[in-house]
Amino acid sequence: MAAEVKKFTRKEIAASDAKTAARFIINNHVYDVSQFLDEHPGGHEVLVNAVGKDATEDFDDIGHSIDAKELMKKYRIGELVDEDKTNTNNSGGNVKWTTPSNNTEEETSFISSWKFPVVLGILATVLYTYLFG
């Protein structure tokens, strides 16, 4: 049996104080990063400035790594009540990020994968050997 997710209102999050509970919203999920403030690679100021707000746009604009998004799960404490949730599709302003599936090889184009530089290196070696060998 899964534990019930704690629900918060935007008003509750807006009342957050970085000194007691550094809470903010990303993609309708509520995070408390009080324990992460000093560890954040971008400095604690970035997180403190987001306290009490919906930081979805700021988070998405930075382009966090998959590892950072995975680490976020540790600090998730709940989600917004249904009436306070925002649209998370492309037309709503808040874009919900998703972690890629395990089928990255199928989803990655040839040029952006590791295969392109390998093939390019082999071609350069063959061409060099042909011209100067």
N, C-alpha and C. Protein backbone atom coordinates (compact mmCIF):
# COMPACT_ATOMS: atom_id res chain seq x y z
N MET A 1 0.85 -1.18 0.00
CA MET A 1 0.00 0.00 0.00
C MET A 1 0.90 1.25 0.00
N ALA A 2 0.70 2.12 -0.97
CA ALA A 2 1.51 3.33 -1.08
C ALA A 2 1.04 4.38 -0.08
N ALA A 3 1.99 5.14 0.41
CA ALA A 3 1.66 6.21 1.34
C ALA A 3 0.94 7.32 0.59
N GLU A 4 -0.01 7.96 1.23
CA GLU A 4 -0.75 9.04 0.59
C GLU A 4 0.15 10.27 0.46
N VAL A 5 0.06 10.92 -0.69
CA VAL A 5 0.88 12.09 -0.98
C VAL A 5 0.31 13.28 -0.22
N LYS A 6 1.20 14.02 0.45
CA LYS A 6 0.76 15.21 1.19
C LYS A 6 0.42 16.31 0.19
N LYS A 7 -0.68 17.00 0.43
CA LYS A 7 -1.16 18.06 -0.47
C LYS A 7 -0.93 19.43 0.17
N PHE A 8 -0.52 20.38 -0.65
CA PHE A 8 -0.26 21.75 -0.20
C PHE A 8 -1.03 22.72 -1.10
N THR A 9 -1.34 23.87 -0.56
CA THR A 9 -1.91 24.94 -1.36
C THR A 9 -0.79 25.92 -1.72
N ARG A 10 -1.02 26.69 -2.76
CA ARG A 10 -0.03 27.71 -3.14
C ARG A 10 0.14 28.73 -2.01
N LYS A 11 -0.94 28.98 -1.30
CA LYS A 11 -0.88 29.93 -0.18
C LYS A 11 0.06 29.40 0.92
N GLU A 12 -0.01 28.11 1.20
CA GLU A 12 0.88 27.51 2.21
C GLU A 12 2.34 27.62 1.79
N ILE A 13 2.60 27.37 0.51
CA ILE A 13 3.97 27.44 0.00
C ILE A 13 4.46 28.89 0.01
N ALA A 14 3.59 29.81 -0.35
CA ALA A 14 3.97 31.24 -0.35
C ALA A 14 4.36 31.71 1.04
N ALA A 15 3.82 31.08 2.07
CA ALA A 15 4.13 31.46 3.45
C ALA A 15 5.45 30.84 3.94
N SER A 16 6.10 30.05 3.09
CA SER A 16 7.36 29.40 3.48
C SER A 16 8.46 30.42 3.74
N ASP A 17 9.32 30.07 4.64
CA ASP A 17 10.45 30.92 5.01
C ASP A 17 11.71 30.08 4.90
N ALA A 18 12.72 30.58 4.22
CA ALA A 18 13.95 29.82 4.00
C ALA A 18 14.63 29.41 5.30
N LYS A 19 14.38 30.15 6.38
CA LYS A 19 15.02 29.83 7.66
C LYS A 19 14.39 28.61 8.32
N THR A 20 13.12 28.36 8.05
CA THR A 20 12.44 27.23 8.68
C THR A 20 12.18 26.08 7.72
N ALA A 21 11.71 26.39 6.52
CA ALA A 21 11.42 25.35 5.53
C ALA A 21 11.51 25.96 4.13
N ALA A 22 12.59 25.68 3.45
CA ALA A 22 12.82 26.22 2.11
C ALA A 22 12.00 25.42 1.10
N ARG A 23 10.75 25.81 0.94
CA ARG A 23 9.83 25.08 0.07
C ARG A 23 9.51 25.89 -1.18
N PHE A 24 9.38 25.19 -2.29
CA PHE A 24 8.91 25.80 -3.52
C PHE A 24 8.27 24.74 -4.39
N ILE A 25 7.72 25.18 -5.52
CA ILE A 25 6.96 24.31 -6.41
C ILE A 25 7.71 24.17 -7.74
N ILE A 26 7.77 22.95 -8.23
CA ILE A 26 8.26 22.69 -9.59
C ILE A 26 7.32 21.64 -10.18
N ASN A 27 6.71 21.99 -11.30
CA ASN A 27 5.79 21.08 -11.99
C ASN A 27 4.73 20.50 -11.08
N ASN A 28 4.12 21.35 -10.28
CA ASN A 28 3.03 20.99 -9.37
C ASN A 28 3.46 20.10 -8.21
N HIS A 29 4.75 19.85 -8.07
CA HIS A 29 5.28 19.10 -6.93
C HIS A 29 5.92 20.08 -5.95
N VAL A 30 5.82 19.77 -4.67
CA VAL A 30 6.37 20.63 -3.64
C VAL A 30 7.66 20.02 -3.12
N TYR A 31 8.68 20.86 -3.03
CA TYR A 31 10.01 20.42 -2.58
C TYR A 31 10.42 21.24 -1.36
N ASP A 32 11.09 20.57 -0.42
CA ASP A 32 11.70 21.24 0.72
C ASP A 32 13.20 20.98 0.62
N VAL A 33 13.94 22.01 0.24
CA VAL A 33 15.38 21.86 0.01
C VAL A 33 16.21 22.44 1.15
N SER A 34 15.63 22.53 2.33
CA SER A 34 16.34 23.10 3.48
C SER A 34 17.68 22.40 3.71
N GLN A 35 17.70 21.09 3.55
CA GLN A 35 18.92 20.32 3.80
C GLN A 35 19.90 20.39 2.63
N PHE A 36 19.48 20.94 1.51
CA PHE A 36 20.30 20.97 0.29
C PHE A 36 20.88 22.35 0.00
N LEU A 37 20.49 23.35 0.76
CA LEU A 37 20.90 24.72 0.46
C LEU A 37 22.41 24.88 0.30
N ASP A 38 23.18 24.32 1.22
CA ASP A 38 24.63 24.49 1.17
C ASP A 38 25.31 23.60 0.14
N GLU A 39 24.59 22.61 -0.37
CA GLU A 39 25.16 21.67 -1.34
C GLU A 39 24.86 22.05 -2.79
N HIS A 40 23.92 22.95 -3.01
CA HIS A 40 23.50 23.28 -4.37
C HIS A 40 24.67 23.87 -5.16
N PRO A 41 25.01 23.28 -6.31
CA PRO A 41 26.15 23.74 -7.11
C PRO A 41 26.05 25.20 -7.55
N GLY A 42 24.84 25.72 -7.71
CA GLY A 42 24.66 27.10 -8.13
C GLY A 42 24.66 28.08 -6.98
N GLY A 43 24.88 27.58 -5.76
CA GLY A 43 24.86 28.44 -4.58
C GLY A 43 23.49 28.45 -3.93
N HIS A 44 23.48 28.70 -2.63
CA HIS A 44 22.22 28.66 -1.89
C HIS A 44 21.29 29.81 -2.24
N GLU A 45 21.85 30.92 -2.75
CA GLU A 45 21.03 32.08 -3.07
C GLU A 45 19.97 31.75 -4.11
N VAL A 46 20.33 30.91 -5.07
CA VAL A 46 19.41 30.53 -6.13
C VAL A 46 18.17 29.87 -5.54
N LEU A 47 18.39 28.96 -4.60
CA LEU A 47 17.27 28.26 -3.97
C LEU A 47 16.49 29.17 -3.04
N VAL A 48 17.20 29.99 -2.29
CA VAL A 48 16.53 30.91 -1.35
C VAL A 48 15.62 31.87 -2.11
N ASN A 49 16.07 32.32 -3.29
CA ASN A 49 15.25 33.24 -4.09
C ASN A 49 13.97 32.58 -4.61
N ALA A 50 13.95 31.26 -4.69
CA ALA A 50 12.78 30.54 -5.19
C ALA A 50 11.80 30.14 -4.09
N VAL A 51 12.20 30.29 -2.84
CA VAL A 51 11.35 29.85 -1.72
C VAL A 51 10.00 30.55 -1.76
N GLY A 52 8.95 29.74 -1.63
CA GLY A 52 7.59 30.25 -1.61
C GLY A 52 6.98 30.47 -2.98
N LYS A 53 7.73 30.18 -4.03
CA LYS A 53 7.27 30.48 -5.39
C LYS A 53 7.14 29.20 -6.21
N ASP A 54 6.58 29.37 -7.40
CA ASP A 54 6.58 28.32 -8.41
C ASP A 54 7.85 28.52 -9.23
N ALA A 55 8.80 27.63 -9.07
CA ALA A 55 10.11 27.77 -9.70
C ALA A 55 10.23 26.92 -10.96
N THR A 56 9.12 26.49 -11.51
CA THR A 56 9.15 25.61 -12.68
C THR A 56 9.90 26.23 -13.85
N GLU A 57 9.56 27.45 -14.19
CA GLU A 57 10.18 28.10 -15.34
C GLU A 57 11.67 28.30 -15.13
N ASP A 58 12.05 28.76 -13.94
CA ASP A 58 13.48 28.94 -13.63
C ASP A 58 14.22 27.61 -13.71
N PHE A 59 13.62 26.57 -13.17
CA PHE A 59 14.25 25.25 -13.19
C PHE A 59 14.43 24.75 -14.62
N ASP A 60 13.40 24.90 -15.44
CA ASP A 60 13.48 24.43 -16.82
C ASP A 60 14.46 25.26 -17.64
N ASP A 61 14.54 26.56 -17.37
CA ASP A 61 15.43 27.44 -18.13
C ASP A 61 16.90 27.11 -17.91
N ILE A 62 17.24 26.62 -16.73
CA ILE A 62 18.63 26.31 -16.40
C ILE A 62 19.11 25.08 -17.16
N GLY A 63 18.23 24.14 -17.41
CA GLY A 63 18.64 22.92 -18.10
C GLY A 63 19.37 21.96 -17.19
N HIS A 64 18.75 21.58 -16.10
CA HIS A 64 19.37 20.66 -15.15
C HIS A 64 19.62 19.29 -15.76
N SER A 65 20.64 18.63 -15.26
CA SER A 65 21.00 17.29 -15.74
C SER A 65 19.99 16.27 -15.25
N ILE A 66 20.05 15.11 -15.85
CA ILE A 66 19.19 14.00 -15.42
C ILE A 66 19.53 13.61 -13.99
N ASP A 67 20.80 13.67 -13.63
CA ASP A 67 21.21 13.35 -12.25
C ASP A 67 20.58 14.33 -11.26
N ALA A 68 20.55 15.61 -11.63
CA ALA A 68 19.93 16.61 -10.75
C ALA A 68 18.45 16.35 -10.59
N LYS A 69 17.79 15.98 -11.68
CA LYS A 69 16.36 15.69 -11.64
C LYS A 69 16.08 14.44 -10.81
N GLU A 70 16.99 13.49 -10.86
CA GLU A 70 16.85 12.28 -10.04
C GLU A 70 17.05 12.62 -8.56
N LEU A 71 18.02 13.49 -8.26
CA LEU A 71 18.29 13.91 -6.89
C LEU A 71 17.10 14.66 -6.29
N MET A 72 16.37 15.38 -7.13
CA MET A 72 15.22 16.15 -6.66
C MET A 72 14.19 15.28 -5.94
N LYS A 73 14.06 14.05 -6.39
CA LYS A 73 13.06 13.15 -5.80
C LYS A 73 13.25 13.02 -4.29
N LYS A 74 14.48 13.13 -3.86
CA LYS A 74 14.81 13.01 -2.43
C LYS A 74 14.18 14.15 -1.62
N TYR A 75 13.97 15.30 -2.24
CA TYR A 75 13.48 16.48 -1.53
C TYR A 75 11.99 16.76 -1.78
N ARG A 76 11.33 15.91 -2.55
CA ARG A 76 9.90 16.08 -2.81
C ARG A 76 9.12 15.71 -1.55
N ILE A 77 8.28 16.63 -1.11
CA ILE A 77 7.50 16.37 0.12
C ILE A 77 6.01 16.28 -0.15
N GLY A 78 5.59 16.56 -1.37
CA GLY A 78 4.18 16.49 -1.69
C GLY A 78 3.88 17.13 -3.02
N GLU A 79 2.61 17.46 -3.19
CA GLU A 79 2.19 18.12 -4.42
C GLU A 79 1.09 19.12 -4.12
N LEU A 80 0.78 19.93 -5.11
CA LEU A 80 -0.27 20.92 -4.93
C LEU A 80 -1.64 20.26 -4.93
N VAL A 81 -2.57 20.88 -4.23
CA VAL A 81 -3.96 20.42 -4.30
C VAL A 81 -4.43 20.62 -5.74
N ASP A 82 -5.38 19.82 -6.16
CA ASP A 82 -5.81 19.84 -7.56
C ASP A 82 -6.22 21.22 -8.05
N GLU A 83 -6.92 21.98 -7.23
CA GLU A 83 -7.38 23.30 -7.69
C GLU A 83 -6.25 24.32 -7.85
N ASP A 84 -5.08 24.07 -7.28
CA ASP A 84 -3.95 24.99 -7.42
C ASP A 84 -2.95 24.55 -8.48
N LYS A 85 -3.16 23.39 -9.06
CA LYS A 85 -2.22 22.89 -10.08
C LYS A 85 -2.34 23.73 -11.35
N THR A 86 -1.20 23.86 -12.05
CA THR A 86 -1.19 24.56 -13.32
C THR A 86 -1.08 23.54 -14.43
N ASN A 87 -1.41 23.97 -15.61
CA ASN A 87 -1.32 23.12 -16.79
C ASN A 87 0.16 22.87 -17.06
N THR A 88 0.53 21.61 -17.20
CA THR A 88 1.95 21.29 -17.42
C THR A 88 2.23 20.83 -18.83
N ASN A 89 1.33 21.14 -19.77
CA ASN A 89 1.65 20.81 -21.16
C ASN A 89 2.24 22.03 -21.84
N ASN A 90 2.64 21.89 -23.07
CA ASN A 90 3.35 22.96 -23.77
C ASN A 90 2.52 24.22 -23.94
N SER A 91 1.22 24.15 -23.91
CA SER A 91 0.41 25.34 -24.10
C SER A 91 0.18 26.11 -22.81
N GLY A 92 0.58 25.54 -21.67
CA GLY A 92 0.28 26.18 -20.41
C GLY A 92 1.39 26.97 -19.78
N GLY A 93 2.53 27.09 -20.42
CA GLY A 93 3.62 27.86 -19.85
C GLY A 93 4.54 27.00 -19.00
N ASN A 94 4.00 26.18 -18.14
CA ASN A 94 4.84 25.30 -17.33
C ASN A 94 5.02 23.99 -18.09
N VAL A 95 6.23 23.70 -18.45
CA VAL A 95 6.51 22.49 -19.20
C VAL A 95 7.01 21.43 -18.24
N LYS A 96 6.36 20.32 -18.22
CA LYS A 96 6.75 19.24 -17.33
C LYS A 96 7.90 18.48 -17.96
N TRP A 97 8.99 18.32 -17.22
CA TRP A 97 10.12 17.55 -17.74
C TRP A 97 9.89 16.09 -17.43
N THR A 98 10.46 15.28 -18.27
CA THR A 98 10.40 13.84 -18.05
C THR A 98 11.79 13.28 -18.20
N THR A 99 12.08 12.25 -17.47
CA THR A 99 13.36 11.59 -17.64
C THR A 99 13.26 10.66 -18.82
N PRO A 100 14.32 10.55 -19.60
CA PRO A 100 14.28 9.69 -20.77
C PRO A 100 14.09 8.23 -20.39
N SER A 101 13.52 7.50 -21.30
CA SER A 101 13.36 6.06 -21.05
C SER A 101 14.69 5.36 -21.23
N ASN A 102 14.72 4.10 -20.97
CA ASN A 102 15.95 3.32 -21.12
C ASN A 102 16.31 3.09 -22.58
N ASN A 103 15.45 3.44 -23.51
CA ASN A 103 15.70 3.22 -24.92
C ASN A 103 16.38 4.42 -25.55
N THR A 104 17.41 4.95 -24.92
CA THR A 104 18.06 6.16 -25.40
C THR A 104 18.72 5.95 -26.75
N GLU A 105 19.17 4.72 -27.04
CA GLU A 105 19.82 4.47 -28.31
C GLU A 105 18.84 4.67 -29.47
N GLU A 106 17.60 4.27 -29.30
CA GLU A 106 16.60 4.44 -30.33
C GLU A 106 16.17 5.90 -30.44
N GLU A 107 16.17 6.63 -29.34
CA GLU A 107 15.69 7.99 -29.31
C GLU A 107 16.76 9.00 -29.71
N THR A 108 18.02 8.63 -29.68
CA THR A 108 19.11 9.54 -29.96
C THR A 108 19.45 9.48 -31.44
N SER A 109 19.60 10.64 -32.05
CA SER A 109 19.95 10.65 -33.47
C SER A 109 21.40 10.21 -33.65
N PHE A 110 21.73 9.78 -34.84
CA PHE A 110 23.06 9.27 -35.13
C PHE A 110 24.12 10.34 -34.89
N ILE A 111 23.85 11.57 -35.31
CA ILE A 111 24.85 12.64 -35.20
C ILE A 111 25.11 13.00 -33.74
N SER A 112 24.10 12.95 -32.89
CA SER A 112 24.32 13.33 -31.49
C SER A 112 24.74 12.14 -30.62
N SER A 113 24.86 10.97 -31.20
CA SER A 113 25.27 9.81 -30.40
C SER A 113 26.79 9.65 -30.45
N TRP A 114 27.29 8.70 -29.73
CA TRP A 114 28.73 8.43 -29.70
C TRP A 114 29.21 7.81 -31.01
N LYS A 115 28.31 7.30 -31.82
CA LYS A 115 28.68 6.59 -33.05
C LYS A 115 29.25 7.55 -34.10
N PHE A 116 28.72 8.75 -34.18
CA PHE A 116 29.16 9.69 -35.20
C PHE A 116 30.66 10.01 -35.09
N PRO A 117 31.17 10.39 -33.92
CA PRO A 117 32.62 10.68 -33.85
C PRO A 117 33.48 9.45 -34.14
N VAL A 118 33.00 8.26 -33.79
CA VAL A 118 33.77 7.04 -34.07
C VAL A 118 33.85 6.82 -35.57
N VAL A 119 32.72 6.91 -36.25
CA VAL A 119 32.71 6.72 -37.71
C VAL A 119 33.54 7.81 -38.38
N LEU A 120 33.43 9.03 -37.91
CA LEU A 120 34.21 10.13 -38.47
C LEU A 120 35.72 9.88 -38.29
N GLY A 121 36.10 9.37 -37.14
CA GLY A 121 37.51 9.05 -36.88
C GLY A 121 38.02 7.96 -37.79
N ILE A 122 37.22 6.94 -37.99
CA ILE A 122 37.62 5.84 -38.88
C ILE A 122 37.76 6.34 -40.31
N LEU A 123 36.81 7.15 -40.76
CA LEU A 123 36.89 7.71 -42.12
C LEU A 123 38.13 8.58 -42.28
N ALA A 124 38.43 9.39 -41.30
CA ALA A 124 39.62 10.25 -41.36
C ALA A 124 40.88 9.41 -41.43
N THR A 125 40.94 8.32 -40.65
CA THR A 125 42.11 7.45 -40.64
C THR A 125 42.28 6.78 -42.00
N VAL A 126 41.20 6.27 -42.57
CA VAL A 126 41.27 5.61 -43.88
C VAL A 126 41.69 6.62 -44.95
N LEU A 127 41.10 7.80 -44.91
CA LEU A 127 41.44 8.83 -45.90
C LEU A 127 42.91 9.25 -45.77
N TYR A 128 43.38 9.45 -44.56
CA TYR A 128 44.78 9.82 -44.33
C TYR A 128 45.72 8.73 -44.84
N THR A 129 45.40 7.47 -44.55
CA THR A 129 46.22 6.33 -44.99
C THR A 129 46.23 6.25 -46.52
N TYR A 130 45.10 6.47 -47.14
CA TYR A 130 44.99 6.41 -48.59
C TYR A 130 45.79 7.53 -49.26
N LEU A 131 45.69 8.74 -48.72
CA LEU A 131 46.36 9.89 -49.35
C LEU A 131 47.85 9.94 -49.05
N PHE A 132 48.26 9.59 -47.84
CA PHE A 132 49.66 9.76 -47.45
C PHE A 132 50.38 8.45 -47.20
N GLY A 133 49.76 7.33 -47.44
CA GLY A 133 50.36 6.03 -47.11
C GLY A 133 50.95 5.30 -48.25
